[in-house]
Amino acid sequence: MDNENKKAALMKAAIEAKELAYAPYSRFSVGAAVMCDDGTFYTGCNIENASYPCGICAERTAVSKAVSEGKRKFRMIAVTGSSAEKCTPCGICRQFLYEFAPEMVVLCGDKDGAFDEIALSELLPRGFGASSL
């Protein structure tokens, strides 16, 4: 599969994951799909909680699933929300992604799957990582 088809497949997986979101409070569903170095995908959705800090974003869900299965290297992540605006990772997710893949490509999609491709380093300039300690 060429790179453009991988991006399209990754965004499609994120859109499908969005349908599983648990967002009764914000009513803003988010789906994410992360691509590992070996080409495997892991998906995630946002999961809200009445105690707001207890919720988890789609991006962290997807990466946590991958890490719990032994994956540590990531190439790309697709993120899509339930609005016409292109969805970008929140600040916490940007930092979380940076921990594993500072050079990751982020596909920021709208509800229909149109997306912009942005380097994580552009979304989180001068990120805090292991070399910062």
C-alpha atoms as a PDB file:
ATOM      1  CA  MET A   1       0.000   0.000   0.000  1.00  0.00           C
ATOM      2  CA  ASP A   2       1.448   3.388  -0.973  1.00  0.00           C
ATOM      3  CA  ASN A   3       1.694   6.253   1.500  1.00  0.00           C
ATOM      4  CA  GLU A   4      -1.447   8.080   0.307  1.00  0.00           C
ATOM      5  CA  ASN A   5      -3.522   4.899   0.650  1.00  0.00           C
ATOM      6  CA  LYS A   6      -2.082   4.345   4.144  1.00  0.00           C
ATOM      7  CA  LYS A   7      -3.151   7.851   5.124  1.00  0.00           C
ATOM      8  CA  ALA A   8      -6.645   7.294   3.742  1.00  0.00           C
ATOM      9  CA  ALA A   9      -6.924   3.935   5.544  1.00  0.00           C
ATOM     10  CA  LEU A  10      -5.696   5.486   8.791  1.00  0.00           C
ATOM     11  CA  MET A  11      -8.261   8.302   8.549  1.00  0.00           C
ATOM     12  CA  LYS A  12     -11.018   5.781   7.748  1.00  0.00           C
ATOM     13  CA  ALA A  13     -10.066   3.813  10.873  1.00  0.00           C
ATOM     14  CA  ALA A  14     -10.220   7.024  12.947  1.00  0.00           C
ATOM     15  CA  ILE A  15     -13.686   7.836  11.575  1.00  0.00           C
ATOM     16  CA  GLU A  16     -14.888   4.341  12.469  1.00  0.00           C
ATOM     17  CA  ALA A  17     -13.401   4.657  15.969  1.00  0.00           C
ATOM     18  CA  LYS A  18     -15.215   7.991  16.424  1.00  0.00           C
ATOM     19  CA  GLU A  19     -18.521   6.118  16.190  1.00  0.00           C
ATOM     20  CA  LEU A  20     -17.616   4.261  19.411  1.00  0.00           C
ATOM     21  CA  ALA A  21     -16.949   7.423  21.441  1.00  0.00           C
ATOM     22  CA  TYR A  22     -18.616   7.854  24.815  1.00  0.00           C
ATOM     23  CA  ALA A  23     -19.302  11.598  24.907  1.00  0.00           C
ATOM     24  CA  PRO A  24     -22.598  12.186  26.761  1.00  0.00           C
ATOM     25  CA  TYR A  25     -21.444  15.510  28.248  1.00  0.00           C
ATOM     26  CA  SER A  26     -19.659  17.373  25.459  1.00  0.00           C
ATOM     27  CA  ARG A  27     -21.439  15.552  22.638  1.00  0.00           C
ATOM     28  CA  PHE A  28     -18.158  15.938  20.745  1.00  0.00           C
ATOM     29  CA  SER A  29     -17.023  12.527  19.554  1.00  0.00           C
ATOM     30  CA  VAL A  30     -13.399  11.997  18.570  1.00  0.00           C
ATOM     31  CA  GLY A  31     -11.730   9.031  16.930  1.00  0.00           C
ATOM     32  CA  ALA A  32      -8.051   8.329  16.431  1.00  0.00           C
ATOM     33  CA  ALA A  33      -5.960   5.701  14.703  1.00  0.00           C
ATOM     34  CA  VAL A  34      -2.218   5.416  15.219  1.00  0.00           C
ATOM     35  CA  MET A  35       0.128   3.669  12.786  1.00  0.00           C
ATOM     36  CA  CYS A  36       3.081   1.826  14.296  1.00  0.00           C
ATOM     37  CA  ASP A  37       6.461   1.463  12.588  1.00  0.00           C
ATOM     38  CA  ASP A  38       5.481  -2.047  11.481  1.00  0.00           C
ATOM     39  CA  GLY A  39       2.357  -0.692   9.743  1.00  0.00           C
ATOM     40  CA  THR A  40      -0.178  -1.970  12.284  1.00  0.00           C
ATOM     41  CA  PHE A  41      -3.016   0.321  13.360  1.00  0.00           C
ATOM     42  CA  TYR A  42      -4.511   0.824  16.817  1.00  0.00           C
ATOM     43  CA  THR A  43      -7.675   2.839  17.256  1.00  0.00           C
ATOM     44  CA  GLY A  44      -9.201   4.793  20.092  1.00  0.00           C
ATOM     45  CA  CYS A  45     -12.105   7.074  20.909  1.00  0.00           C
ATOM     46  CA  ASN A  46     -12.720   9.663  23.574  1.00  0.00           C
ATOM     47  CA  ILE A  47     -14.309   8.377  26.756  1.00  0.00           C
ATOM     48  CA  GLU A  48     -15.860  11.001  29.003  1.00  0.00           C
ATOM     49  CA  ASN A  49     -16.698  10.812  32.686  1.00  0.00           C
ATOM     50  CA  ALA A  50     -19.030  12.869  34.882  1.00  0.00           C
ATOM     51  CA  SER A  51     -15.865  13.785  36.799  1.00  0.00           C
ATOM     52  CA  TYR A  52     -14.289  15.542  33.818  1.00  0.00           C
ATOM     53  CA  PRO A  53     -10.603  14.960  34.631  1.00  0.00           C
ATOM     54  CA  CYS A  54     -11.239  11.207  34.567  1.00  0.00           C
ATOM     55  CA  GLY A  55     -11.962  11.148  30.839  1.00  0.00           C
ATOM     56  CA  ILE A  56      -9.437  10.151  28.201  1.00  0.00           C
ATOM     57  CA  CYS A  57      -8.933  11.451  24.693  1.00  0.00           C
ATOM     58  CA  ALA A  58      -9.034   9.302  21.564  1.00  0.00           C
ATOM     59  CA  GLU A  59      -5.340   9.797  20.805  1.00  0.00           C
ATOM     60  CA  ARG A  60      -4.204   8.646  24.235  1.00  0.00           C
ATOM     61  CA  THR A  61      -6.598   5.698  24.062  1.00  0.00           C
ATOM     62  CA  ALA A  62      -5.144   4.544  20.728  1.00  0.00           C
ATOM     63  CA  VAL A  63      -1.516   4.953  21.802  1.00  0.00           C
ATOM     64  CA  SER A  64      -2.177   3.339  25.195  1.00  0.00           C
ATOM     65  CA  LYS A  65      -3.693   0.314  23.473  1.00  0.00           C
ATOM     66  CA  ALA A  66      -0.611   0.043  21.258  1.00  0.00           C
ATOM     67  CA  VAL A  67       1.841   0.490  24.132  1.00  0.00           C
ATOM     68  CA  SER A  68      -0.005  -2.117  26.189  1.00  0.00           C
ATOM     69  CA  GLU A  69       0.570  -4.535  23.294  1.00  0.00           C
ATOM     70  CA  GLY A  70       4.325  -3.819  23.246  1.00  0.00           C
ATOM     71  CA  LYS A  71       4.478  -1.150  20.525  1.00  0.00           C
ATOM     72  CA  ARG A  72       6.752   1.810  21.144  1.00  0.00           C
ATOM     73  CA  LYS A  73       7.456   3.320  17.710  1.00  0.00           C
ATOM     74  CA  PHE A  74       4.854   5.273  15.781  1.00  0.00           C
ATOM     75  CA  ARG A  75       4.839   6.887  12.331  1.00  0.00           C
ATOM     76  CA  MET A  76       1.536   8.667  12.084  1.00  0.00           C
ATOM     77  CA  ILE A  77      -1.774   9.311  13.802  1.00  0.00           C
ATOM     78  CA  ALA A  78      -5.128  10.340  12.349  1.00  0.00           C
ATOM     79  CA  VAL A  79      -7.569  12.329  14.482  1.00  0.00           C
ATOM     80  CA  THR A  80     -11.123  13.267  13.541  1.00  0.00           C
ATOM     81  CA  GLY A  81     -13.926  14.950  15.426  1.00  0.00           C
ATOM     82  CA  SER A  82     -17.650  15.366  15.005  1.00  0.00           C
ATOM     83  CA  SER A  83     -17.578  18.860  13.505  1.00  0.00           C
ATOM     84  CA  ALA A  84     -16.824  20.473  10.168  1.00  0.00           C
ATOM     85  CA  GLU A  85     -13.617  21.893  11.680  1.00  0.00           C
ATOM     86  CA  LYS A  86     -10.452  19.836  11.393  1.00  0.00           C
ATOM     87  CA  CYS A  87      -9.670  18.279  14.758  1.00  0.00           C
ATOM     88  CA  THR A  88      -6.219  18.677  16.280  1.00  0.00           C
ATOM     89  CA  PRO A  89      -4.897  16.907  19.383  1.00  0.00           C
ATOM     90  CA  CYS A  90      -5.300  18.806  22.651  1.00  0.00           C
ATOM     91  CA  GLY A  91      -2.225  19.949  24.567  1.00  0.00           C
ATOM     92  CA  ILE A  92      -2.076  16.891  26.815  1.00  0.00           C
ATOM     93  CA  CYS A  93      -2.290  14.583  23.803  1.00  0.00           C
ATOM     94  CA  ARG A  94       0.431  16.517  21.971  1.00  0.00           C
ATOM     95  CA  GLN A  95       2.756  15.977  24.921  1.00  0.00           C
ATOM     96  CA  PHE A  96       1.710  12.321  25.230  1.00  0.00           C
ATOM     97  CA  LEU A  97       2.434  11.694  21.536  1.00  0.00           C
ATOM     98  CA  TYR A  98       5.769  13.519  21.766  1.00  0.00           C
ATOM     99  CA  GLU A  99       6.945  11.057  24.412  1.00  0.00           C
ATOM    100  CA  PHE A 100       6.880   8.249  21.858  1.00  0.00           C
ATOM    101  CA  ALA A 101       7.335   9.912  18.472  1.00  0.00           C
ATOM    102  CA  PRO A 102       8.513  13.537  18.308  1.00  0.00           C
ATOM    103  CA  GLU A 103       8.740  13.235  14.501  1.00  0.00           C
ATOM    104  CA  MET A 104       5.229  11.785  14.113  1.00  0.00           C
ATOM    105  CA  VAL A 105       2.930  13.007  11.348  1.00  0.00           C
ATOM    106  CA  VAL A 106      -0.556  14.040  12.503  1.00  0.00           C
ATOM    107  CA  LEU A 107      -3.517  13.852  10.135  1.00  0.00           C
ATOM    108  CA  CYS A 108      -6.101  16.334  11.440  1.00  0.00           C
ATOM    109  CA  GLY A 109      -9.487  15.455   9.963  1.00  0.00           C
ATOM    110  CA  ASP A 110     -12.977  16.816   9.891  1.00  0.00           C
ATOM    111  CA  LYS A 111     -16.142  14.745  10.396  1.00  0.00           C
ATOM    112  CA  ASP A 112     -16.136  13.677   6.747  1.00  0.00           C
ATOM    113  CA  GLY A 113     -12.487  12.632   6.562  1.00  0.00           C
ATOM    114  CA  ALA A 114     -10.895  15.598   4.776  1.00  0.00           C
ATOM    115  CA  PHE A 115      -7.590  16.207   6.533  1.00  0.00           C
ATOM    116  CA  ASP A 116      -4.503  18.361   6.845  1.00  0.00           C
ATOM    117  CA  GLU A 117      -1.118  16.766   7.448  1.00  0.00           C
ATOM    118  CA  ILE A 118       0.901  18.463  10.190  1.00  0.00           C
ATOM    119  CA  ALA A 119       4.164  17.476  11.847  1.00  0.00           C
ATOM    120  CA  LEU A 120       3.809  16.923  15.598  1.00  0.00           C
ATOM    121  CA  SER A 121       6.840  19.190  16.042  1.00  0.00           C
ATOM    122  CA  GLU A 122       4.772  21.985  14.453  1.00  0.00           C
ATOM    123  CA  LEU A 123       1.885  21.328  16.842  1.00  0.00           C
ATOM    124  CA  LEU A 124       4.234  21.145  19.838  1.00  0.00           C
ATOM    125  CA  PRO A 125       7.294  23.280  19.110  1.00  0.00           C
ATOM    126  CA  ARG A 126      10.150  22.860  21.563  1.00  0.00           C
ATOM    127  CA  GLY A 127       8.448  19.823  23.110  1.00  0.00           C
ATOM    128  CA  PHE A 128       9.500  18.390  26.453  1.00  0.00           C
ATOM    129  CA  GLY A 129      11.031  14.935  26.114  1.00  0.00           C
ATOM    130  CA  ALA A 130      13.623  12.604  27.609  1.00  0.00           C
ATOM    131  CA  SER A 131      16.450  14.860  26.409  1.00  0.00           C
ATOM    132  CA  SER A 132      14.918  17.701  28.454  1.00  0.00           C
ATOM    133  CA  LEU A 133      15.625  15.886  31.727  1.00  0.00           C
END
